[in-house]
Amino acid sequence: MKKPIIIFLIFLILIPVNLFSEPLKDYEPYEEGEFPLWTYNIRRAETIFFGSLVITLPLSILLHSVARSAGIIPPQTSAMNDFLTQAAIAGTLSLGVSIADWALGLKQ
């Protein structure tokens, strides 16, 4: 009984929000010098870091599992420690890719 009443009250609060909001203004495109150059560089590094993380995370999980199966790495006490180790390896590899892209961009 309480759940329908709570849902009804939420709708009563959220529906009038659209009635009191301001209309959208016309779109103004970004100007040429609106953002400094370093913000573009940080955005590029962020995109490359998270984009390469998609590749490096499964790769680090695979290589860590193979190394653990081969006896190169001793087994961890819990699965969470294994995953944190694999995520740290993937993050380091992605950071290396991002820094390599930045260094190559300096040469151009």
N, C-alpha and C. Protein backbone atom coordinates (compact mmCIF):
# COMPACT_ATOMS: atom_id res chain seq x y z
N MET A 1 0.81 -1.19 0.00
CA MET A 1 0.00 0.00 0.00
C MET A 1 0.86 1.26 0.00
N LYS A 2 1.99 1.20 0.71
CA LYS A 2 2.84 2.39 0.79
C LYS A 2 3.54 2.67 -0.54
N LYS A 3 3.90 1.60 -1.26
CA LYS A 3 4.65 1.78 -2.50
C LYS A 3 3.85 2.59 -3.54
N PRO A 4 2.58 2.30 -3.79
CA PRO A 4 1.83 3.12 -4.76
C PRO A 4 1.70 4.58 -4.31
N ILE A 5 1.57 4.79 -3.02
CA ILE A 5 1.45 6.16 -2.52
C ILE A 5 2.76 6.91 -2.72
N ILE A 6 3.87 6.26 -2.45
CA ILE A 6 5.17 6.90 -2.63
C ILE A 6 5.41 7.21 -4.10
N ILE A 7 5.08 6.28 -4.98
CA ILE A 7 5.24 6.52 -6.42
C ILE A 7 4.35 7.67 -6.88
N PHE A 8 3.14 7.73 -6.38
CA PHE A 8 2.23 8.82 -6.71
C PHE A 8 2.79 10.17 -6.24
N LEU A 9 3.35 10.21 -5.05
CA LEU A 9 3.93 11.45 -4.53
C LEU A 9 5.16 11.88 -5.34
N ILE A 10 5.95 10.93 -5.77
CA ILE A 10 7.11 11.26 -6.61
C ILE A 10 6.66 11.86 -7.93
N PHE A 11 5.62 11.28 -8.53
CA PHE A 11 5.08 11.85 -9.77
C PHE A 11 4.52 13.25 -9.54
N LEU A 12 3.88 13.47 -8.42
CA LEU A 12 3.34 14.79 -8.13
C LEU A 12 4.45 15.84 -8.00
N ILE A 13 5.61 15.40 -7.53
CA ILE A 13 6.74 16.32 -7.39
C ILE A 13 7.44 16.53 -8.73
N LEU A 14 7.61 15.48 -9.51
CA LEU A 14 8.41 15.56 -10.73
C LEU A 14 7.66 16.12 -11.93
N ILE A 15 6.39 15.91 -12.03
CA ILE A 15 5.65 16.38 -13.20
C ILE A 15 5.63 17.91 -13.30
N PRO A 16 5.42 18.67 -12.22
CA PRO A 16 5.40 20.13 -12.37
C PRO A 16 6.78 20.75 -12.63
N VAL A 17 7.84 19.98 -12.52
CA VAL A 17 9.17 20.53 -12.76
C VAL A 17 9.26 21.06 -14.19
N ASN A 18 8.68 20.37 -15.14
CA ASN A 18 8.71 20.82 -16.53
C ASN A 18 7.91 22.10 -16.74
N LEU A 19 6.90 22.30 -15.94
CA LEU A 19 6.06 23.49 -16.11
C LEU A 19 6.80 24.77 -15.70
N PHE A 20 7.71 24.66 -14.74
CA PHE A 20 8.39 25.85 -14.23
C PHE A 20 9.80 26.03 -14.80
N SER A 21 10.20 25.19 -15.72
CA SER A 21 11.54 25.31 -16.29
C SER A 21 11.55 26.37 -17.38
N GLU A 22 12.75 26.89 -17.65
CA GLU A 22 12.91 27.92 -18.67
C GLU A 22 12.99 27.27 -20.05
N PRO A 23 12.50 27.95 -21.07
CA PRO A 23 12.62 27.38 -22.42
C PRO A 23 14.09 27.41 -22.88
N LEU A 24 14.41 26.50 -23.80
CA LEU A 24 15.78 26.45 -24.32
C LEU A 24 16.09 27.67 -25.15
N LYS A 25 17.30 28.17 -24.97
CA LYS A 25 17.74 29.29 -25.79
C LYS A 25 18.29 28.74 -27.09
N ASP A 26 18.52 29.63 -28.04
CA ASP A 26 19.10 29.20 -29.30
C ASP A 26 20.51 28.67 -29.09
N TYR A 27 20.89 27.70 -29.90
CA TYR A 27 22.22 27.09 -29.79
C TYR A 27 23.27 28.06 -30.29
N GLU A 28 24.33 28.22 -29.51
CA GLU A 28 25.47 29.04 -29.92
C GLU A 28 26.68 28.14 -30.04
N PRO A 29 27.24 28.01 -31.24
CA PRO A 29 28.40 27.12 -31.40
C PRO A 29 29.62 27.69 -30.67
N TYR A 30 30.57 26.79 -30.37
CA TYR A 30 31.79 27.22 -29.69
C TYR A 30 32.61 28.13 -30.58
N GLU A 31 33.25 29.09 -29.97
CA GLU A 31 34.12 29.99 -30.73
C GLU A 31 35.50 29.38 -30.86
N GLU A 32 36.34 30.00 -31.69
CA GLU A 32 37.66 29.45 -31.99
C GLU A 32 38.54 29.35 -30.74
N GLY A 33 38.65 30.40 -29.96
CA GLY A 33 39.55 30.39 -28.82
C GLY A 33 38.85 30.27 -27.48
N GLU A 34 37.69 29.63 -27.46
CA GLU A 34 36.91 29.55 -26.22
C GLU A 34 37.58 28.66 -25.17
N PHE A 35 38.23 27.61 -25.62
CA PHE A 35 38.90 26.70 -24.70
C PHE A 35 40.40 26.75 -24.97
N PRO A 36 41.22 26.74 -23.91
CA PRO A 36 42.67 26.74 -24.13
C PRO A 36 43.15 25.39 -24.69
N LEU A 37 44.35 25.39 -25.26
CA LEU A 37 44.88 24.21 -25.93
C LEU A 37 45.09 23.05 -24.97
N TRP A 38 45.47 23.33 -23.73
CA TRP A 38 45.76 22.24 -22.80
C TRP A 38 44.51 21.44 -22.47
N THR A 39 43.33 22.04 -22.57
CA THR A 39 42.11 21.27 -22.31
C THR A 39 41.86 20.24 -23.41
N TYR A 40 42.22 20.59 -24.64
CA TYR A 40 42.10 19.62 -25.73
C TYR A 40 43.07 18.46 -25.52
N ASN A 41 44.28 18.77 -25.05
CA ASN A 41 45.27 17.72 -24.81
C ASN A 41 44.82 16.78 -23.69
N ILE A 42 44.26 17.34 -22.63
CA ILE A 42 43.77 16.50 -21.53
C ILE A 42 42.60 15.64 -22.00
N ARG A 43 41.72 16.21 -22.78
CA ARG A 43 40.58 15.44 -23.29
C ARG A 43 41.04 14.31 -24.19
N ARG A 44 42.05 14.58 -25.03
CA ARG A 44 42.60 13.54 -25.90
C ARG A 44 43.23 12.42 -25.07
N ALA A 45 44.01 12.80 -24.04
CA ALA A 45 44.65 11.81 -23.19
C ALA A 45 43.62 10.96 -22.46
N GLU A 46 42.55 11.60 -22.00
CA GLU A 46 41.48 10.87 -21.31
C GLU A 46 40.80 9.88 -22.25
N THR A 47 40.52 10.31 -23.45
CA THR A 47 39.87 9.44 -24.42
C THR A 47 40.75 8.25 -24.78
N ILE A 48 42.04 8.51 -24.97
CA ILE A 48 42.96 7.42 -25.31
C ILE A 48 43.13 6.48 -24.12
N PHE A 49 43.20 7.02 -22.89
CA PHE A 49 43.36 6.18 -21.70
C PHE A 49 42.18 5.23 -21.55
N PHE A 50 40.96 5.76 -21.57
CA PHE A 50 39.80 4.90 -21.37
C PHE A 50 39.52 4.02 -22.59
N GLY A 51 39.88 4.50 -23.77
CA GLY A 51 39.71 3.68 -24.97
C GLY A 51 40.66 2.49 -24.97
N SER A 52 41.88 2.70 -24.54
CA SER A 52 42.83 1.59 -24.50
C SER A 52 42.57 0.67 -23.32
N LEU A 53 41.88 1.16 -22.30
CA LEU A 53 41.55 0.32 -21.15
C LEU A 53 40.64 -0.84 -21.55
N VAL A 54 39.85 -0.63 -22.58
CA VAL A 54 38.96 -1.67 -23.08
C VAL A 54 39.79 -2.85 -23.62
N ILE A 55 40.96 -2.55 -24.16
CA ILE A 55 41.82 -3.60 -24.69
C ILE A 55 42.77 -4.13 -23.62
N THR A 56 43.33 -3.25 -22.80
CA THR A 56 44.34 -3.68 -21.84
C THR A 56 43.77 -4.47 -20.66
N LEU A 57 42.54 -4.22 -20.26
CA LEU A 57 41.97 -4.95 -19.14
C LEU A 57 41.80 -6.44 -19.44
N PRO A 58 41.15 -6.82 -20.55
CA PRO A 58 41.08 -8.27 -20.84
C PRO A 58 42.46 -8.88 -21.10
N LEU A 59 43.35 -8.10 -21.71
CA LEU A 59 44.69 -8.60 -21.97
C LEU A 59 45.44 -8.85 -20.66
N SER A 60 45.33 -7.94 -19.71
CA SER A 60 46.02 -8.12 -18.43
C SER A 60 45.39 -9.26 -17.62
N ILE A 61 44.08 -9.43 -17.72
CA ILE A 61 43.43 -10.55 -17.03
C ILE A 61 43.93 -11.87 -17.61
N LEU A 62 44.03 -11.94 -18.93
CA LEU A 62 44.50 -13.16 -19.59
C LEU A 62 45.96 -13.45 -19.23
N LEU A 63 46.81 -12.45 -19.33
CA LEU A 63 48.23 -12.67 -19.05
C LEU A 63 48.47 -12.98 -17.57
N HIS A 64 47.73 -12.34 -16.69
CA HIS A 64 47.87 -12.62 -15.26
C HIS A 64 47.42 -14.05 -14.94
N SER A 65 46.34 -14.50 -15.56
CA SER A 65 45.87 -15.87 -15.35
C SER A 65 46.86 -16.89 -15.89
N VAL A 66 47.45 -16.61 -17.04
CA VAL A 66 48.44 -17.52 -17.61
C VAL A 66 49.68 -17.58 -16.72
N ALA A 67 50.13 -16.41 -16.24
CA ALA A 67 51.30 -16.38 -15.37
C ALA A 67 51.03 -17.08 -14.04
N ARG A 68 49.83 -16.95 -13.53
CA ARG A 68 49.48 -17.64 -12.28
C ARG A 68 49.38 -19.15 -12.50
N SER A 69 48.83 -19.56 -13.65
CA SER A 69 48.73 -21.00 -13.95
C SER A 69 50.11 -21.62 -14.17
N ALA A 70 51.03 -20.84 -14.73
CA ALA A 70 52.38 -21.34 -14.98
C ALA A 70 53.24 -21.34 -13.72
N GLY A 71 52.75 -20.73 -12.66
CA GLY A 71 53.50 -20.70 -11.41
C GLY A 71 54.46 -19.53 -11.30
N ILE A 72 54.41 -18.60 -12.24
CA ILE A 72 55.29 -17.43 -12.19
C ILE A 72 54.85 -16.49 -11.07
N ILE A 73 53.53 -16.33 -10.92
CA ILE A 73 52.96 -15.46 -9.89
C ILE A 73 52.27 -16.36 -8.86
N PRO A 74 52.57 -16.17 -7.57
CA PRO A 74 51.87 -16.98 -6.56
C PRO A 74 50.40 -16.58 -6.48
N PRO A 75 49.52 -17.53 -6.16
CA PRO A 75 48.09 -17.20 -6.08
C PRO A 75 47.81 -16.22 -4.93
N GLN A 76 46.86 -15.32 -5.17
CA GLN A 76 46.46 -14.34 -4.16
C GLN A 76 45.54 -15.00 -3.14
N THR A 77 45.32 -14.28 -2.03
CA THR A 77 44.45 -14.81 -0.98
C THR A 77 42.98 -14.74 -1.36
N SER A 78 42.60 -13.80 -2.21
CA SER A 78 41.19 -13.68 -2.59
C SER A 78 41.07 -13.29 -4.06
N ALA A 79 39.88 -13.47 -4.59
CA ALA A 79 39.63 -13.11 -5.99
C ALA A 79 39.67 -11.60 -6.18
N MET A 80 39.30 -10.85 -5.12
CA MET A 80 39.32 -9.39 -5.22
C MET A 80 40.75 -8.88 -5.38
N ASN A 81 41.69 -9.48 -4.65
CA ASN A 81 43.09 -9.07 -4.80
C ASN A 81 43.61 -9.38 -6.19
N ASP A 82 43.19 -10.51 -6.75
CA ASP A 82 43.56 -10.83 -8.13
C ASP A 82 43.04 -9.77 -9.09
N PHE A 83 41.77 -9.42 -8.94
CA PHE A 83 41.19 -8.43 -9.85
C PHE A 83 41.85 -7.06 -9.69
N LEU A 84 42.13 -6.66 -8.46
CA LEU A 84 42.79 -5.37 -8.24
C LEU A 84 44.18 -5.35 -8.86
N THR A 85 44.88 -6.45 -8.78
CA THR A 85 46.19 -6.55 -9.42
C THR A 85 46.05 -6.44 -10.94
N GLN A 86 45.09 -7.14 -11.50
CA GLN A 86 44.87 -7.10 -12.94
C GLN A 86 44.44 -5.71 -13.39
N ALA A 87 43.60 -5.04 -12.60
CA ALA A 87 43.16 -3.68 -12.94
C ALA A 87 44.32 -2.70 -12.86
N ALA A 88 45.22 -2.89 -11.89
CA ALA A 88 46.39 -2.01 -11.77
C ALA A 88 47.32 -2.20 -12.97
N ILE A 89 47.49 -3.42 -13.41
CA ILE A 89 48.32 -3.68 -14.59
C ILE A 89 47.69 -3.03 -15.82
N ALA A 90 46.38 -3.19 -15.97
CA ALA A 90 45.68 -2.60 -17.12
C ALA A 90 45.75 -1.08 -17.08
N GLY A 91 45.58 -0.49 -15.90
CA GLY A 91 45.67 0.97 -15.78
C GLY A 91 47.04 1.48 -16.11
N THR A 92 48.08 0.75 -15.69
CA THR A 92 49.45 1.16 -16.00
C THR A 92 49.72 1.07 -17.49
N LEU A 93 49.25 0.01 -18.12
CA LEU A 93 49.43 -0.12 -19.57
C LEU A 93 48.68 0.98 -20.32
N SER A 94 47.47 1.30 -19.90
CA SER A 94 46.70 2.36 -20.55
C SER A 94 47.35 3.72 -20.35
N LEU A 95 47.88 3.94 -19.15
CA LEU A 95 48.60 5.19 -18.90
C LEU A 95 49.83 5.28 -19.79
N GLY A 96 50.52 4.16 -19.98
CA GLY A 96 51.68 4.14 -20.87
C GLY A 96 51.29 4.46 -22.31
N VAL A 97 50.17 3.94 -22.77
CA VAL A 97 49.69 4.24 -24.12
C VAL A 97 49.37 5.72 -24.26
N SER A 98 48.72 6.27 -23.24
CA SER A 98 48.35 7.69 -23.26
C SER A 98 49.59 8.59 -23.25
N ILE A 99 50.58 8.25 -22.43
CA ILE A 99 51.81 9.04 -22.38
C ILE A 99 52.59 8.90 -23.68
N ALA A 100 52.59 7.71 -24.27
CA ALA A 100 53.28 7.52 -25.56
C ALA A 100 52.62 8.37 -26.64
N ASP A 101 51.31 8.46 -26.65
CA ASP A 101 50.61 9.31 -27.61
C ASP A 101 50.96 10.77 -27.39
N TRP A 102 51.04 11.19 -26.13
CA TRP A 102 51.40 12.58 -25.83
C TRP A 102 52.83 12.87 -26.29
N ALA A 103 53.75 11.92 -26.04
CA ALA A 103 55.14 12.13 -26.44
C ALA A 103 55.28 12.18 -27.96
N LEU A 104 54.54 11.32 -28.65
CA LEU A 104 54.58 11.36 -30.11
C LEU A 104 53.95 12.64 -30.65
N GLY A 105 52.97 13.17 -29.94
CA GLY A 105 52.34 14.42 -30.36
C GLY A 105 53.27 15.61 -30.19
N LEU A 106 54.22 15.54 -29.26
CA LEU A 106 55.18 16.64 -29.09
C LEU A 106 56.14 16.73 -30.26
N LYS A 107 56.44 15.60 -30.89
CA LYS A 107 57.38 15.58 -32.01
C LYS A 107 56.78 16.21 -33.27
N GLN A 108 55.47 16.23 -33.37
CA GLN A 108 54.83 16.74 -34.59
C GLN A 108 54.77 18.22 -34.58
